[in-house]
C-alpha cells in the first residue's frame, strides 16, 4: 500500500526535484538512518518501521530510476540507417 502511494504521488516529484543520482543516493541514506536509529533505540517496532520504509522506497524509487536510466533521452539522435 505504501509503495503504491509513493509511486503515484511522490516518485515523479522526487525524480524532478533531485534527479536520478540523488534519488538513488537516498536509498542507502534511509538505510543508514534506520540502522543508526535501531542502534540507539533497539526495538522490534522501530525495526519493522524502517524495514517497511526501506523496502517501499527501494521498490518505488529503484524501479522508476531503472526505467528512466534505460529509456532514451528526449531529442537524442538515433541512427536510423541500417547497414545490410
C-alpha atoms as a PDB file:
ATOM      1  CA  UNK A   1       0.000   0.000   0.000  1.00  0.00           C
ATOM      2  CA  UNK A   2       2.772   2.418   0.925  1.00  0.00           C
ATOM      3  CA  UNK A   3       4.657   1.631  -2.285  1.00  0.00           C
ATOM      4  CA  UNK A   4       1.611   2.370  -4.421  1.00  0.00           C
ATOM      5  CA  UNK A   5       1.072   5.712  -2.688  1.00  0.00           C
ATOM      6  CA  UNK A   6       4.769   6.574  -3.115  1.00  0.00           C
ATOM      7  CA  UNK A   7       4.726   5.686  -6.800  1.00  0.00           C
ATOM      8  CA  UNK A   8       1.555   7.605  -7.537  1.00  0.00           C
ATOM      9  CA  UNK A   9       2.222  10.798  -5.601  1.00  0.00           C
ATOM     10  CA  UNK A  10       5.920  11.156  -4.811  1.00  0.00           C
ATOM     11  CA  UNK A  11       8.188   9.270  -7.194  1.00  0.00           C
ATOM     12  CA  UNK A  12       7.787  11.647 -10.146  1.00  0.00           C
ATOM     13  CA  UNK A  13       8.212  14.705  -7.972  1.00  0.00           C
ATOM     14  CA  UNK A  14      11.283  13.301  -6.225  1.00  0.00           C
ATOM     15  CA  UNK A  15      12.882  12.487  -9.577  1.00  0.00           C
ATOM     16  CA  UNK A  16      12.178  16.000 -10.868  1.00  0.00           C
ATOM     17  CA  UNK A  17      13.490  17.696  -7.720  1.00  0.00           C
ATOM     18  CA  UNK A  18      16.571  15.579  -7.077  1.00  0.00           C
ATOM     19  CA  UNK A  19      17.345  13.817 -10.337  1.00  0.00           C
ATOM     20  CA  UNK A  20      18.265  10.181 -10.753  1.00  0.00           C
ATOM     21  CA  UNK A  21      21.617  10.315  -8.952  1.00  0.00           C
ATOM     22  CA  UNK A  22      20.412  11.878  -5.729  1.00  0.00           C
ATOM     23  CA  UNK A  23      17.240   9.801  -5.767  1.00  0.00           C
ATOM     24  CA  UNK A  24      19.303   6.635  -5.888  1.00  0.00           C
ATOM     25  CA  UNK A  25      21.572   8.050  -3.155  1.00  0.00           C
ATOM     26  CA  UNK A  26      18.526   8.446  -0.900  1.00  0.00           C
ATOM     27  CA  UNK A  27      18.111   4.674  -0.613  1.00  0.00           C
ATOM     28  CA  UNK A  28      21.358   3.949   1.266  1.00  0.00           C
ATOM     29  CA  UNK A  29      20.863   7.142   3.286  1.00  0.00           C
ATOM     30  CA  UNK A  30      17.488   5.884   4.520  1.00  0.00           C
ATOM     31  CA  UNK A  31      19.075   2.551   5.425  1.00  0.00           C
ATOM     32  CA  UNK A  32      21.872   4.325   7.292  1.00  0.00           C
ATOM     33  CA  UNK A  33      19.431   6.467   9.279  1.00  0.00           C
ATOM     34  CA  UNK A  34      17.398   3.369  10.101  1.00  0.00           C
ATOM     35  CA  UNK A  35      20.402   1.356  11.278  1.00  0.00           C
ATOM     36  CA  UNK A  36      21.652   4.234  13.430  1.00  0.00           C
ATOM     37  CA  UNK A  37      18.196   4.678  14.967  1.00  0.00           C
ATOM     38  CA  UNK A  38      17.927   0.949  15.674  1.00  0.00           C
ATOM     39  CA  UNK A  39      21.420   1.004  17.168  1.00  0.00           C
ATOM     40  CA  UNK A  40      20.480   3.860  19.508  1.00  0.00           C
ATOM     41  CA  UNK A  41      16.978   2.648  20.408  1.00  0.00           C
ATOM     42  CA  UNK A  42      16.664  -1.059  19.659  1.00  0.00           C
ATOM     43  CA  UNK A  43      13.122  -2.288  19.355  1.00  0.00           C
ATOM     44  CA  UNK A  44      11.016  -4.513  17.188  1.00  0.00           C
ATOM     45  CA  UNK A  45       8.594  -1.725  16.252  1.00  0.00           C
ATOM     46  CA  UNK A  46      11.383   0.545  15.021  1.00  0.00           C
ATOM     47  CA  UNK A  47      12.935  -2.331  13.106  1.00  0.00           C
ATOM     48  CA  UNK A  48       9.626  -3.121  11.417  1.00  0.00           C
ATOM     49  CA  UNK A  49       9.008   0.563  10.590  1.00  0.00           C
ATOM     50  CA  UNK A  50      12.363   1.099   8.906  1.00  0.00           C
ATOM     51  CA  UNK A  51      12.208  -2.258   7.137  1.00  0.00           C
ATOM     52  CA  UNK A  52       8.836  -1.366   5.597  1.00  0.00           C
ATOM     53  CA  UNK A  53      10.034   2.149   4.730  1.00  0.00           C
ATOM     54  CA  UNK A  54      13.265   0.890   3.184  1.00  0.00           C
ATOM     55  CA  UNK A  55      11.548  -1.771   1.092  1.00  0.00           C
ATOM     56  CA  UNK A  56       8.817   0.597  -0.090  1.00  0.00           C
ATOM     57  CA  UNK A  57      11.323   3.290  -1.064  1.00  0.00           C
ATOM     58  CA  UNK A  58      13.560   0.721  -2.724  1.00  0.00           C
ATOM     59  CA  UNK A  59      10.769  -0.660  -4.873  1.00  0.00           C
ATOM     60  CA  UNK A  60       9.135   2.685  -5.690  1.00  0.00           C
ATOM     61  CA  UNK A  61      12.291   4.629  -6.480  1.00  0.00           C
ATOM     62  CA  UNK A  62      14.603   1.951  -7.872  1.00  0.00           C
ATOM     63  CA  UNK A  63      12.080   0.791 -10.441  1.00  0.00           C
ATOM     64  CA  UNK A  64      11.404   4.345 -11.594  1.00  0.00           C
ATOM     65  CA  UNK A  65      15.106   5.182 -11.808  1.00  0.00           C
ATOM     66  CA  UNK A  66      15.815   1.992 -13.761  1.00  0.00           C
ATOM     67  CA  UNK A  67      13.135   2.910 -16.285  1.00  0.00           C
ATOM     68  CA  UNK A  68      14.428   6.470 -16.517  1.00  0.00           C
ATOM     69  CA  UNK A  69      18.024   5.305 -16.976  1.00  0.00           C
ATOM     70  CA  UNK A  70      17.161   2.752 -19.647  1.00  0.00           C
ATOM     71  CA  UNK A  71      14.898   4.964 -21.742  1.00  0.00           C
ATOM     72  CA  UNK A  72      16.441   7.121 -24.484  1.00  0.00           C
ATOM     73  CA  UNK A  73      16.744  10.811 -23.765  1.00  0.00           C
ATOM     74  CA  UNK A  74      14.344  13.178 -25.417  1.00  0.00           C
ATOM     75  CA  UNK A  75      15.845  14.713 -28.514  1.00  0.00           C
ATOM     76  CA  UNK A  76      18.733  12.289 -28.690  1.00  0.00           C
ATOM     77  CA  UNK A  77      19.700  11.429 -32.218  1.00  0.00           C
ATOM     78  CA  UNK A  78      19.468   7.788 -33.085  1.00  0.00           C
ATOM     79  CA  UNK A  79      20.955   6.026 -36.026  1.00  0.00           C
ATOM     80  CA  UNK A  80      18.025   5.159 -38.242  1.00  0.00           C
ATOM     81  CA  UNK A  81      20.094   3.851 -41.155  1.00  0.00           C
ATOM     82  CA  UNK A  82      20.622   0.146 -41.124  1.00  0.00           C
ATOM     83  CA  UNK A  83      23.548  -1.497 -42.753  1.00  0.00           C
ATOM     84  CA  UNK A  84      22.991  -4.719 -44.629  1.00  0.00           C
END
